[in-house]
Amino acid sequence: MTAPAIALKDVHLSLGRGAARVHILKGISLDIAKGEAVGLVGPSGSGKSTLLMTMAGLERPDSGLVSVDGQNLAPLDEDDLARFRGARIGIVFQSFHLIPTMTALENVAVPLELADAPDPFYRARAELELVGLGDRLDHYPAQLSGGEQQRVALARAVATDPAILVADEPTGNLDEVTGQSIIDLIFRLKRERGATLVLVTHDAGLAALCDRQIRLRSGMIEVPHLEPAQ
């Protein structure tokens, strides 16, 4: 039996301090298969983004197991976790998170340099050409449209050929037409790389493109109600 790409078992996570501390994830258990595309859906405040960040190793749970690409994340210190994330997990954010003082080419080269990849700028150029930005290599984020910035972010996310690609509302800051082009690009890159895709979205059309939707409510996975057989 093939091991899952992502496995969570009884994960609890709280954020904040003292009286302001809030129990966000409440006993999440979940397996995501290698190569699967999963949409995390649910109302605002249901824990979708927190669950995604926990899968990506950006939030550490209070208890429970998080295993990604066969690696239990709990024993990793912050440096080891950052190295693992840089090599195995590609992350796309709603607000792009590009480095404003770096060109598109430099932004994509950063994770390759950190991973000690050979010829990082050559590979970064190739990734940008794949997302249709071969003529924007030397432009800074402020000189790019929102759609172009998200394409740079996508090129950066897949540059190291990660096993896992996670995206948090990747079309949230884009108009409908630009958003659709980004959706098409995300799924094309996922197919070409054979990656596992997990995305958070409020867009029902985007969620419907996934192999499976997981609905969260109040920090728990909502179990579909099945009508009894007649």
C-alpha atoms as a PDB file:
ATOM      1  CA  MET A   1       0.000   0.000   0.000  1.00  0.00           C
ATOM      2  CA  THR A   2       1.429   3.380  -1.028  1.00  0.00           C
ATOM      3  CA  ALA A   3       2.083   5.794   1.820  1.00  0.00           C
ATOM      4  CA  PRO A   4       0.053   9.019   1.659  1.00  0.00           C
ATOM      5  CA  ALA A   5       1.703  12.249   0.539  1.00  0.00           C
ATOM      6  CA  ILE A   6       0.282  14.009   3.603  1.00  0.00           C
ATOM      7  CA  ALA A   7      -0.981  12.335   6.763  1.00  0.00           C
ATOM      8  CA  LEU A   8      -2.473  14.057   9.811  1.00  0.00           C
ATOM      9  CA  LYS A   9      -3.627  12.214  12.896  1.00  0.00           C
ATOM     10  CA  ASP A  10      -5.618  13.858  15.690  1.00  0.00           C
ATOM     11  CA  VAL A  11      -4.064  17.289  15.102  1.00  0.00           C
ATOM     12  CA  HIS A  12      -4.938  20.058  17.546  1.00  0.00           C
ATOM     13  CA  LEU A  13      -3.665  23.610  17.201  1.00  0.00           C
ATOM     14  CA  SER A  14      -4.375  26.788  19.154  1.00  0.00           C
ATOM     15  CA  LEU A  15      -3.225  30.320  18.373  1.00  0.00           C
ATOM     16  CA  GLY A  16      -2.889  33.385  20.581  1.00  0.00           C
ATOM     17  CA  ARG A  17      -1.958  33.809  24.228  1.00  0.00           C
ATOM     18  CA  GLY A  18      -3.779  33.771  27.536  1.00  0.00           C
ATOM     19  CA  ALA A  19      -7.444  34.712  27.381  1.00  0.00           C
ATOM     20  CA  ALA A  20      -7.087  35.432  23.661  1.00  0.00           C
ATOM     21  CA  ARG A  21      -5.938  31.885  22.866  1.00  0.00           C
ATOM     22  CA  VAL A  22      -8.264  30.197  20.372  1.00  0.00           C
ATOM     23  CA  HIS A  23      -8.532  26.474  19.629  1.00  0.00           C
ATOM     24  CA  ILE A  24      -8.396  26.495  15.803  1.00  0.00           C
ATOM     25  CA  LEU A  25      -7.909  22.854  14.721  1.00  0.00           C
ATOM     26  CA  LYS A  26      -9.768  20.244  16.738  1.00  0.00           C
ATOM     27  CA  GLY A  27      -8.665  16.667  16.192  1.00  0.00           C
ATOM     28  CA  ILE A  28      -8.040  16.709  12.447  1.00  0.00           C
ATOM     29  CA  SER A  29      -7.236  13.301  10.947  1.00  0.00           C
ATOM     30  CA  LEU A  30      -6.693  13.158   7.212  1.00  0.00           C
ATOM     31  CA  ASP A  31      -4.747  11.297   4.503  1.00  0.00           C
ATOM     32  CA  ILE A  32      -4.016  12.824   1.095  1.00  0.00           C
ATOM     33  CA  ALA A  33      -2.762  10.476  -1.615  1.00  0.00           C
ATOM     34  CA  LYS A  34       0.278  11.140  -3.764  1.00  0.00           C
ATOM     35  CA  GLY A  35      -0.709  13.061  -6.877  1.00  0.00           C
ATOM     36  CA  GLU A  36      -4.147  13.942  -5.517  1.00  0.00           C
ATOM     37  CA  ALA A  37      -5.660  17.432  -5.859  1.00  0.00           C
ATOM     38  CA  VAL A  38      -7.610  18.396  -2.739  1.00  0.00           C
ATOM     39  CA  GLY A  39      -9.650  21.533  -2.115  1.00  0.00           C
ATOM     40  CA  LEU A  40     -10.108  22.771   1.448  1.00  0.00           C
ATOM     41  CA  VAL A  41     -13.441  24.561   1.630  1.00  0.00           C
ATOM     42  CA  GLY A  42     -15.718  25.965   4.303  1.00  0.00           C
ATOM     43  CA  PRO A  43     -16.830  29.259   5.840  1.00  0.00           C
ATOM     44  CA  SER A  44     -14.413  31.980   6.918  1.00  0.00           C
ATOM     45  CA  GLY A  45     -12.844  31.141  10.267  1.00  0.00           C
ATOM     46  CA  SER A  46     -13.329  27.393   9.841  1.00  0.00           C
ATOM     47  CA  GLY A  47      -9.575  26.697   9.975  1.00  0.00           C
ATOM     48  CA  LYS A  48      -8.815  26.124   6.292  1.00  0.00           C
ATOM     49  CA  SER A  49      -5.744  28.338   6.021  1.00  0.00           C
ATOM     50  CA  THR A  50      -4.423  27.209   9.409  1.00  0.00           C
ATOM     51  CA  LEU A  51      -4.748  23.577   8.320  1.00  0.00           C
ATOM     52  CA  LEU A  52      -2.912  24.368   5.082  1.00  0.00           C
ATOM     53  CA  MET A  53      -0.106  26.146   6.952  1.00  0.00           C
ATOM     54  CA  THR A  54       0.153  23.171   9.338  1.00  0.00           C
ATOM     55  CA  MET A  55       0.562  20.815   6.363  1.00  0.00           C
ATOM     56  CA  ALA A  56       3.271  23.132   5.007  1.00  0.00           C
ATOM     57  CA  GLY A  57       5.151  23.179   8.311  1.00  0.00           C
ATOM     58  CA  LEU A  58       4.521  26.885   8.844  1.00  0.00           C
ATOM     59  CA  GLU A  59       2.429  26.230  11.952  1.00  0.00           C
ATOM     60  CA  ARG A  60       3.305  23.608  14.556  1.00  0.00           C
ATOM     61  CA  PRO A  61       0.396  21.739  16.159  1.00  0.00           C
ATOM     62  CA  ASP A  62      -0.027  21.490  19.926  1.00  0.00           C
ATOM     63  CA  SER A  63      -0.498  17.729  19.557  1.00  0.00           C
ATOM     64  CA  GLY A  64      -0.992  15.065  16.938  1.00  0.00           C
ATOM     65  CA  LEU A  65       1.038  13.793  13.981  1.00  0.00           C
ATOM     66  CA  VAL A  66       1.839  15.668  10.764  1.00  0.00           C
ATOM     67  CA  SER A  67       3.726  13.645   8.149  1.00  0.00           C
ATOM     68  CA  VAL A  68       4.605  15.115   4.751  1.00  0.00           C
ATOM     69  CA  ASP A  69       6.221  13.119   1.946  1.00  0.00           C
ATOM     70  CA  GLY A  70       7.081  10.404   4.490  1.00  0.00           C
ATOM     71  CA  GLN A  71       8.690  12.831   6.967  1.00  0.00           C
ATOM     72  CA  ASN A  72       7.274  13.329  10.468  1.00  0.00           C
ATOM     73  CA  LEU A  73       7.601  17.096  10.946  1.00  0.00           C
ATOM     74  CA  ALA A  74       7.616  17.048  14.751  1.00  0.00           C
ATOM     75  CA  PRO A  75      11.301  16.100  15.326  1.00  0.00           C
ATOM     76  CA  LEU A  76      12.621  18.743  12.900  1.00  0.00           C
ATOM     77  CA  ASP A  77      14.063  21.921  14.386  1.00  0.00           C
ATOM     78  CA  GLU A  78      13.352  25.225  12.637  1.00  0.00           C
ATOM     79  CA  ASP A  79      16.435  25.038  10.397  1.00  0.00           C
ATOM     80  CA  ASP A  80      15.760  21.441   9.354  1.00  0.00           C
ATOM     81  CA  LEU A  81      12.099  22.241   8.818  1.00  0.00           C
ATOM     82  CA  ALA A  82      12.978  25.225   6.613  1.00  0.00           C
ATOM     83  CA  ARG A  83      15.326  23.067   4.525  1.00  0.00           C
ATOM     84  CA  PHE A  84      12.715  20.323   4.176  1.00  0.00           C
ATOM     85  CA  ARG A  85      10.036  22.828   3.218  1.00  0.00           C
ATOM     86  CA  GLY A  86      12.317  24.499   0.695  1.00  0.00           C
ATOM     87  CA  ALA A  87      13.061  21.204  -1.030  1.00  0.00           C
ATOM     88  CA  ARG A  88       9.746  19.349  -0.798  1.00  0.00           C
ATOM     89  CA  ILE A  89       6.904  21.890  -0.450  1.00  0.00           C
ATOM     90  CA  GLY A  90       5.967  24.685  -2.861  1.00  0.00           C
ATOM     91  CA  ILE A  91       3.765  27.423  -1.379  1.00  0.00           C
ATOM     92  CA  VAL A  92       1.583  29.970  -3.187  1.00  0.00           C
ATOM     93  CA  PHE A  93      -0.046  32.749  -1.161  1.00  0.00           C
ATOM     94  CA  GLN A  94      -2.984  35.002  -1.982  1.00  0.00           C
ATOM     95  CA  SER A  95      -0.809  38.122  -1.625  1.00  0.00           C
ATOM     96  CA  PHE A  96       2.125  36.748  -3.680  1.00  0.00           C
ATOM     97  CA  HIS A  97       4.834  37.356  -0.999  1.00  0.00           C
ATOM     98  CA  LEU A  98       7.480  38.316  -3.544  1.00  0.00           C
ATOM     99  CA  ILE A  99      10.620  40.123  -2.373  1.00  0.00           C
ATOM    100  CA  PRO A 100      10.050  43.703  -3.619  1.00  0.00           C
ATOM    101  CA  THR A 101      13.752  44.562  -4.010  1.00  0.00           C
ATOM    102  CA  MET A 102      14.417  41.566  -6.256  1.00  0.00           C
ATOM    103  CA  THR A 103      13.570  41.044  -9.910  1.00  0.00           C
ATOM    104  CA  ALA A 104      11.283  38.255 -11.064  1.00  0.00           C
ATOM    105  CA  LEU A 105      14.351  36.209 -11.976  1.00  0.00           C
ATOM    106  CA  GLU A 106      15.976  36.766  -8.588  1.00  0.00           C
ATOM    107  CA  ASN A 107      12.754  35.898  -6.726  1.00  0.00           C
ATOM    108  CA  VAL A 108      12.535  32.532  -8.472  1.00  0.00           C
ATOM    109  CA  ALA A 109      16.264  31.858  -8.058  1.00  0.00           C
ATOM    110  CA  VAL A 110      16.138  32.287  -4.250  1.00  0.00           C
ATOM    111  CA  PRO A 111      14.721  28.837  -3.330  1.00  0.00           C
ATOM    112  CA  LEU A 112      17.046  27.207  -5.881  1.00  0.00           C
ATOM    113  CA  GLU A 113      20.081  28.908  -4.308  1.00  0.00           C
ATOM    114  CA  LEU A 114      18.944  27.895  -0.830  1.00  0.00           C
ATOM    115  CA  ALA A 115      18.596  24.297  -2.048  1.00  0.00           C
ATOM    116  CA  ASP A 116      22.134  24.429  -3.540  1.00  0.00           C
ATOM    117  CA  ALA A 117      20.679  23.647  -6.964  1.00  0.00           C
ATOM    118  CA  PRO A 118      23.133  23.836  -9.879  1.00  0.00           C
ATOM    119  CA  ASP A 119      22.712  26.855 -12.200  1.00  0.00           C
ATOM    120  CA  PRO A 120      19.918  28.489 -10.168  1.00  0.00           C
ATOM    121  CA  PHE A 121      19.497  31.476 -12.505  1.00  0.00           C
ATOM    122  CA  TYR A 122      19.353  29.266 -15.593  1.00  0.00           C
ATOM    123  CA  ARG A 123      16.635  27.163 -13.966  1.00  0.00           C
ATOM    124  CA  ALA A 124      14.793  30.252 -12.717  1.00  0.00           C
ATOM    125  CA  ARG A 125      14.760  31.651 -16.255  1.00  0.00           C
ATOM    126  CA  ALA A 126      13.350  28.357 -17.581  1.00  0.00           C
ATOM    127  CA  GLU A 127      10.592  28.338 -14.942  1.00  0.00           C
ATOM    128  CA  LEU A 128       9.576  31.903 -15.774  1.00  0.00           C
ATOM    129  CA  GLU A 129       9.483  31.070 -19.472  1.00  0.00           C
ATOM    130  CA  LEU A 130       7.183  28.122 -18.680  1.00  0.00           C
ATOM    131  CA  VAL A 131       4.686  30.475 -16.998  1.00  0.00           C
ATOM    132  CA  GLY A 132       4.828  32.946 -19.877  1.00  0.00           C
ATOM    133  CA  LEU A 133       7.106  35.560 -18.321  1.00  0.00           C
ATOM    134  CA  GLY A 134      10.264  35.116 -20.364  1.00  0.00           C
ATOM    135  CA  ASP A 135      10.102  38.803 -21.299  1.00  0.00           C
ATOM    136  CA  ARG A 136       9.658  40.029 -17.698  1.00  0.00           C
ATOM    137  CA  LEU A 137      12.750  38.519 -16.061  1.00  0.00           C
ATOM    138  CA  ASP A 138      14.288  41.836 -15.014  1.00  0.00           C
ATOM    139  CA  HIS A 139      11.084  43.480 -13.796  1.00  0.00           C
ATOM    140  CA  TYR A 140      10.496  44.120 -10.100  1.00  0.00           C
ATOM    141  CA  PRO A 141       7.195  43.092  -8.451  1.00  0.00           C
ATOM    142  CA  ALA A 142       5.910  46.692  -8.464  1.00  0.00           C
ATOM    143  CA  GLN A 143       6.346  46.732 -12.238  1.00  0.00           C
ATOM    144  CA  LEU A 144       4.201  43.615 -12.701  1.00  0.00           C
ATOM    145  CA  SER A 145       0.427  43.175 -12.709  1.00  0.00           C
ATOM    146  CA  GLY A 146      -1.244  41.039 -10.048  1.00  0.00           C
ATOM    147  CA  GLY A 147      -1.546  38.129 -12.454  1.00  0.00           C
ATOM    148  CA  GLU A 148       2.112  38.426 -13.437  1.00  0.00           C
ATOM    149  CA  GLN A 149       3.162  38.522  -9.775  1.00  0.00           C
ATOM    150  CA  GLN A 150       1.191  35.353  -9.093  1.00  0.00           C
ATOM    151  CA  ARG A 151       2.868  33.697 -12.084  1.00  0.00           C
ATOM    152  CA  VAL A 152       6.248  34.592 -10.594  1.00  0.00           C
ATOM    153  CA  ALA A 153       5.077  33.149  -7.269  1.00  0.00           C
ATOM    154  CA  LEU A 154       4.005  29.945  -9.035  1.00  0.00           C
ATOM    155  CA  ALA A 155       7.334  29.667 -10.850  1.00  0.00           C
ATOM    156  CA  ARG A 156       9.104  30.112  -7.516  1.00  0.00           C
ATOM    157  CA  ALA A 157       6.882  27.495  -5.840  1.00  0.00           C
ATOM    158  CA  VAL A 158       7.596  24.785  -8.412  1.00  0.00           C
ATOM    159  CA  ALA A 159      11.237  25.646  -9.157  1.00  0.00           C
ATOM    160  CA  THR A 160      12.631  22.960  -6.844  1.00  0.00           C
ATOM    161  CA  ASP A 161      10.194  20.315  -8.180  1.00  0.00           C
ATOM    162  CA  PRO A 162       8.448  19.888  -4.815  1.00  0.00           C
ATOM    163  CA  ALA A 163       6.413  16.787  -4.083  1.00  0.00           C
ATOM    164  CA  ILE A 164       3.714  18.940  -2.470  1.00  0.00           C
ATOM    165  CA  LEU A 165       2.187  22.158  -3.808  1.00  0.00           C
ATOM    166  CA  VAL A 166      -0.065  24.161  -1.472  1.00  0.00           C
ATOM    167  CA  ALA A 167      -1.988  27.289  -2.403  1.00  0.00           C
ATOM    168  CA  ASP A 168      -3.933  29.616  -0.104  1.00  0.00           C
ATOM    169  CA  GLU A 169      -6.668  31.457  -2.053  1.00  0.00           C
ATOM    170  CA  PRO A 170      -4.346  31.755  -5.083  1.00  0.00           C
ATOM    171  CA  THR A 171      -6.909  33.753  -7.103  1.00  0.00           C
ATOM    172  CA  GLY A 172      -8.260  35.851  -4.215  1.00  0.00           C
ATOM    173  CA  ASN A 173      -6.578  39.099  -5.319  1.00  0.00           C
ATOM    174  CA  LEU A 174      -7.170  38.651  -9.051  1.00  0.00           C
ATOM    175  CA  ASP A 175      -9.984  39.509 -11.430  1.00  0.00           C
ATOM    176  CA  GLU A 176     -12.029  36.657 -12.909  1.00  0.00           C
ATOM    177  CA  VAL A 177     -10.189  36.353 -16.226  1.00  0.00           C
ATOM    178  CA  THR A 178      -6.723  36.582 -14.666  1.00  0.00           C
ATOM    179  CA  GLY A 179      -7.792  34.202 -11.900  1.00  0.00           C
ATOM    180  CA  GLN A 180      -8.914  31.614 -14.453  1.00  0.00           C
ATOM    181  CA  SER A 181      -5.535  31.779 -16.201  1.00  0.00           C
ATOM    182  CA  ILE A 182      -3.792  31.191 -12.857  1.00  0.00           C
ATOM    183  CA  ILE A 183      -6.100  28.234 -12.098  1.00  0.00           C
ATOM    184  CA  ASP A 184      -5.290  26.696 -15.476  1.00  0.00           C
ATOM    185  CA  LEU A 185      -1.581  27.211 -14.820  1.00  0.00           C
ATOM    186  CA  ILE A 186      -1.674  25.684 -11.320  1.00  0.00           C
ATOM    187  CA  PHE A 187      -3.367  22.506 -12.559  1.00  0.00           C
ATOM    188  CA  ARG A 188      -1.092  22.268 -15.597  1.00  0.00           C
ATOM    189  CA  LEU A 189       2.011  22.545 -13.438  1.00  0.00           C
ATOM    190  CA  LYS A 190       0.576  20.005 -10.979  1.00  0.00           C
ATOM    191  CA  ARG A 191      -0.020  17.505 -13.790  1.00  0.00           C
ATOM    192  CA  GLU A 192       3.359  18.070 -15.432  1.00  0.00           C
ATOM    193  CA  ARG A 193       5.270  17.697 -12.157  1.00  0.00           C
ATOM    194  CA  GLY A 194       3.171  14.883 -10.712  1.00  0.00           C
ATOM    195  CA  ALA A 195       2.800  16.908  -7.521  1.00  0.00           C
ATOM    196  CA  THR A 196       0.190  16.599  -4.811  1.00  0.00           C
ATOM    197  CA  LEU A 197      -1.926  19.769  -4.703  1.00  0.00           C
ATOM    198  CA  VAL A 198      -3.775  21.144  -1.685  1.00  0.00           C
ATOM    199  CA  LEU A 199      -5.544  24.464  -2.025  1.00  0.00           C
ATOM    200  CA  VAL A 200      -7.789  26.671   0.066  1.00  0.00           C
ATOM    201  CA  THR A 201     -10.514  28.411  -1.868  1.00  0.00           C
ATOM    202  CA  HIS A 202     -13.921  30.084  -1.568  1.00  0.00           C
ATOM    203  CA  ASP A 203     -14.369  29.599  -5.321  1.00  0.00           C
ATOM    204  CA  ALA A 204     -16.769  26.699  -5.899  1.00  0.00           C
ATOM    205  CA  GLY A 205     -15.632  26.381  -9.524  1.00  0.00           C
ATOM    206  CA  LEU A 206     -11.991  26.050  -8.487  1.00  0.00           C
ATOM    207  CA  ALA A 207     -12.812  23.560  -5.736  1.00  0.00           C
ATOM    208  CA  ALA A 208     -14.800  21.467  -8.226  1.00  0.00           C
ATOM    209  CA  LEU A 209     -11.669  20.956 -10.333  1.00  0.00           C
ATOM    210  CA  CYS A 210     -10.057  19.025  -7.477  1.00  0.00           C
ATOM    211  CA  ASP A 211     -10.254  15.262  -7.091  1.00  0.00           C
ATOM    212  CA  ARG A 212     -11.770  15.724  -3.646  1.00  0.00           C
ATOM    213  CA  GLN A 213     -13.143  18.497  -1.462  1.00  0.00           C
ATOM    214  CA  ILE A 214     -12.690  18.541   2.300  1.00  0.00           C
ATOM    215  CA  ARG A 215     -15.119  20.823   4.097  1.00  0.00           C
ATOM    216  CA  LEU A 216     -14.149  22.326   7.419  1.00  0.00           C
ATOM    217  CA  ARG A 217     -16.434  23.866  10.004  1.00  0.00           C
ATOM    218  CA  SER A 218     -15.330  25.202  13.401  1.00  0.00           C
ATOM    219  CA  GLY A 219     -11.920  23.547  13.093  1.00  0.00           C
ATOM    220  CA  MET A 220     -13.232  20.078  12.305  1.00  0.00           C
ATOM    221  CA  ILE A 221     -13.764  18.097   9.127  1.00  0.00           C
ATOM    222  CA  GLU A 222     -17.452  18.084   8.309  1.00  0.00           C
ATOM    223  CA  VAL A 223     -18.731  14.593   7.592  1.00  0.00           C
ATOM    224  CA  PRO A 224     -21.283  14.586   4.746  1.00  0.00           C
ATOM    225  CA  HIS A 225     -24.776  13.677   5.838  1.00  0.00           C
ATOM    226  CA  LEU A 226     -25.914  10.559   4.010  1.00  0.00           C
ATOM    227  CA  GLU A 227     -29.589  10.022   3.425  1.00  0.00           C
ATOM    228  CA  PRO A 228     -30.742   6.552   4.498  1.00  0.00           C
ATOM    229  CA  ALA A 229     -31.471   4.107   1.677  1.00  0.00           C
ATOM    230  CA  GLN A 230     -35.118   3.880   0.726  1.00  0.00           C
END
